[in-house]
């Protein structure tokens, strides 16, 4: 009986240790997202526990978190280009109804995957050039310009020809007054 009690106590303490460890990791990650003049610091992220990207992903998806904390967590995810992060940003660009989330998704996709998944990124972004939000179109165009593939150049040429507003044309490096 004493042996069973000791085993139970050992398992209980192990469970508490894992819970405390998880809480500590979340607190560490949340602390890395604080600060008035916060900037993405990859060195600071490298000092966090190995699976911190999972905690960042949880924070970025947690509607109970403040918007700026969620945005900083999403920006931090660009330092961890893996399949789960890819799906998170794809979902942000395609399934979200909030235009700001969609713009952040484009920025995150481009920052994390412009080198490693250029073809998939291009395929995901090209349809966004037809969106109603001109700021989303501009951010999408900037990412496609960064890819600089034959397909992206062709798609951007069509997009640029259809731009009706001068500010949007200037934002994608074309001044329509001189482009005729």
Protein backbone atom coordinates (compact mmCIF):
# COMPACT_ATOMS: atom_id res chain seq x y z
CA UNK A 1 0.00 0.00 0.00
CA UNK A 2 2.85 2.38 0.84
CA UNK A 3 4.46 1.52 -2.48
CA UNK A 4 1.25 2.40 -4.36
CA UNK A 5 0.99 5.69 -2.49
CA UNK A 6 4.56 6.57 -3.41
CA UNK A 7 3.98 5.69 -7.05
CA UNK A 8 0.80 7.77 -7.09
CA UNK A 9 2.64 10.70 -5.53
CA UNK A 10 5.48 10.34 -8.06
CA UNK A 11 3.05 10.37 -11.00
CA UNK A 12 1.18 13.30 -9.50
CA UNK A 13 4.40 15.28 -9.13
CA UNK A 14 5.47 14.40 -12.69
CA UNK A 15 2.12 15.66 -13.99
CA UNK A 16 2.41 18.85 -11.99
CA UNK A 17 5.95 19.34 -13.25
CA UNK A 18 4.79 19.06 -16.87
CA UNK A 19 1.96 21.53 -16.22
CA UNK A 20 4.32 23.99 -14.52
CA UNK A 21 6.80 23.53 -17.37
CA UNK A 22 4.10 24.26 -19.97
CA UNK A 23 2.94 27.32 -18.03
CA UNK A 24 6.53 28.53 -17.75
CA UNK A 25 7.08 28.08 -21.50
CA UNK A 26 3.88 29.98 -22.30
CA UNK A 27 4.91 32.73 -19.90
CA UNK A 28 8.37 32.88 -21.53
CA UNK A 29 6.87 33.11 -25.01
CA UNK A 30 4.31 35.72 -23.93
CA UNK A 31 7.11 37.74 -22.31
CA UNK A 32 9.01 37.69 -25.62
CA UNK A 33 5.97 39.35 -27.27
CA UNK A 34 5.79 42.28 -24.85
CA UNK A 35 7.31 45.72 -25.03
CA UNK A 36 6.31 49.14 -26.27
CA UNK A 37 8.79 49.10 -29.14
CA UNK A 38 8.62 45.36 -29.84
CA UNK A 39 10.40 44.08 -32.92
CA UNK A 40 10.83 40.58 -34.23
CA UNK A 41 14.06 39.32 -32.65
CA UNK A 42 15.13 35.97 -34.06
CA UNK A 43 17.98 35.66 -31.54
CA UNK A 44 15.55 36.03 -28.67
CA UNK A 45 13.28 33.44 -30.26
CA UNK A 46 16.24 31.07 -30.60
CA UNK A 47 16.70 31.30 -26.82
CA UNK A 48 13.20 29.99 -26.17
CA UNK A 49 12.46 26.26 -25.72
CA UNK A 50 12.70 24.18 -28.91
CA UNK A 51 8.95 23.75 -29.49
CA UNK A 52 8.08 27.38 -28.77
CA UNK A 53 6.61 27.69 -32.25
CA UNK A 54 3.71 25.51 -31.02
CA UNK A 55 3.07 27.96 -28.19
CA UNK A 56 3.34 30.88 -30.62
CA UNK A 57 0.83 29.17 -32.90
CA UNK A 58 -1.56 28.65 -29.99
CA UNK A 59 -1.23 32.32 -29.01
CA UNK A 60 -1.72 33.51 -32.59
CA UNK A 61 -4.95 31.51 -32.81
CA UNK A 62 -6.26 32.39 -29.35
CA UNK A 63 -9.13 34.87 -29.70
CA UNK A 64 -8.85 35.60 -25.96
CA UNK A 65 -5.40 37.16 -26.48
CA UNK A 66 -5.05 40.84 -27.27
CA UNK A 67 -4.83 41.58 -31.00
CA UNK A 68 -1.33 43.00 -30.80
CA UNK A 69 -0.08 39.90 -28.94
CA UNK A 70 -1.67 37.64 -31.56
CA UNK A 71 -0.11 39.72 -34.35
CA UNK A 72 3.32 39.54 -32.72
CA UNK A 73 2.97 35.79 -32.24
CA UNK A 74 2.06 35.42 -35.92
CA UNK A 75 5.04 37.57 -36.95
CA UNK A 76 7.29 35.44 -34.74
CA UNK A 77 6.06 32.29 -36.47
CA UNK A 78 7.92 33.39 -39.60
CA UNK A 79 11.09 32.21 -37.85
CA UNK A 80 9.70 28.65 -37.84
CA UNK A 81 8.80 27.75 -41.45
CA UNK A 82 7.17 24.35 -41.06
CA UNK A 83 3.98 22.67 -42.29
CA UNK A 84 1.82 23.81 -39.37
CA UNK A 85 2.96 27.41 -39.78
CA UNK A 86 2.29 27.19 -43.53
CA UNK A 87 -1.28 25.98 -42.85
CA UNK A 88 -1.81 28.75 -40.28
CA UNK A 89 -0.82 31.49 -42.73
CA UNK A 90 -2.72 29.92 -45.63
CA UNK A 91 -5.83 29.76 -43.46
CA UNK A 92 -5.27 33.38 -42.44
CA UNK A 93 -5.21 34.49 -46.07
CA UNK A 94 -8.07 32.35 -47.32
CA UNK A 95 -10.52 31.64 -44.52
CA UNK A 96 -10.37 34.80 -42.44
CA UNK A 97 -13.03 37.45 -42.88
CA UNK A 98 -10.83 40.12 -41.28
CA UNK A 99 -8.82 41.94 -43.94
CA UNK A 100 -6.06 42.78 -41.47
CA UNK A 101 -5.61 39.07 -40.69
CA UNK A 102 -5.49 38.31 -44.40
CA UNK A 103 -2.81 40.99 -44.93
CA UNK A 104 -0.78 39.64 -42.01
CA UNK A 105 -1.16 36.17 -43.49
CA UNK A 106 0.32 37.32 -46.79
CA UNK A 107 3.19 39.01 -44.97
CA UNK A 108 3.82 35.89 -42.90
CA UNK A 109 3.71 33.57 -45.90
CA UNK A 110 6.11 35.73 -47.83
CA UNK A 111 8.53 36.21 -44.94
CA UNK A 112 8.64 32.52 -44.02
CA UNK A 113 8.29 30.71 -47.33
CA UNK A 114 9.44 32.90 -50.23
CA UNK A 115 12.54 30.77 -50.69
CA UNK A 116 11.47 27.31 -49.60
CA UNK A 117 8.01 27.11 -51.22
CA UNK A 118 8.06 29.62 -54.04
CA UNK A 119 5.76 27.66 -56.38
CA UNK A 120 3.18 26.86 -53.69
CA UNK A 121 3.33 30.44 -52.43
CA UNK A 122 2.77 31.77 -55.92
CA UNK A 123 -0.23 29.49 -56.41
CA UNK A 124 -1.73 30.62 -53.10
CA UNK A 125 -1.19 34.33 -53.73
CA UNK A 126 -2.16 34.84 -57.36
CA UNK A 127 -5.94 34.62 -56.66
CA UNK A 128 -5.56 37.36 -54.03
CA UNK A 129 -4.74 39.89 -56.75
CA UNK A 130 -8.47 39.86 -57.59
CA UNK A 131 -9.60 40.68 -54.04
CA UNK A 132 -11.62 43.81 -53.28
CA UNK A 133 -9.17 45.09 -50.66
CA UNK A 134 -6.52 47.15 -52.51
CA UNK A 135 -4.08 46.95 -49.58
CA UNK A 136 -4.25 43.15 -49.70
CA UNK A 137 -3.61 43.29 -53.45
CA UNK A 138 -0.59 45.58 -52.93
CA UNK A 139 0.92 43.29 -50.29
CA UNK A 140 0.29 40.28 -52.50
CA UNK A 141 1.93 42.02 -55.45
CA UNK A 142 4.96 42.93 -53.34
CA UNK A 143 5.41 39.28 -52.38
CA UNK A 144 5.01 38.11 -55.97
CA UNK A 145 7.59 40.68 -57.04
CA UNK A 146 9.93 39.22 -54.45
CA UNK A 147 9.45 35.74 -55.96
CA UNK A 148 10.42 37.09 -59.38
CA UNK A 149 9.41 34.06 -61.43
CA UNK A 150 8.20 34.09 -65.02
CA UNK A 151 4.64 33.33 -63.89
CA UNK A 152 4.66 36.03 -61.21
CA UNK A 153 5.98 38.60 -63.71
CA UNK A 154 3.19 37.70 -66.18
CA UNK A 155 0.46 37.82 -63.51
CA UNK A 156 1.79 41.12 -62.16
CA UNK A 157 1.78 42.65 -65.64
CA UNK A 158 -1.94 41.81 -65.99
CA UNK A 159 -2.64 43.12 -62.49
CA UNK A 160 -0.75 46.36 -63.09
CA UNK A 161 -2.61 46.99 -66.34
CA UNK A 162 -5.92 46.74 -64.48
CA UNK A 163 -5.04 49.12 -61.62
CA UNK A 164 -7.40 52.09 -61.58
CA UNK A 165 -6.06 54.08 -58.62
CA UNK A 166 -2.80 56.01 -58.83
CA UNK A 167 -1.83 55.32 -55.22
CA UNK A 168 -2.14 51.59 -55.82
CA UNK A 169 -0.06 51.83 -58.98
CA UNK A 170 2.63 53.78 -57.12
CA UNK A 171 2.54 51.25 -54.30
CA UNK A 172 3.46 48.49 -56.74
CA UNK A 173 6.23 50.61 -58.27
CA UNK A 174 4.40 51.90 -61.30
CA UNK A 175 3.36 55.45 -61.90
CA UNK A 176 0.50 55.19 -64.43
CA UNK A 177 1.16 58.73 -65.67
CA UNK A 178 4.47 57.53 -67.12
CA UNK A 179 3.53 53.95 -67.96
CA UNK A 180 1.67 54.69 -71.20
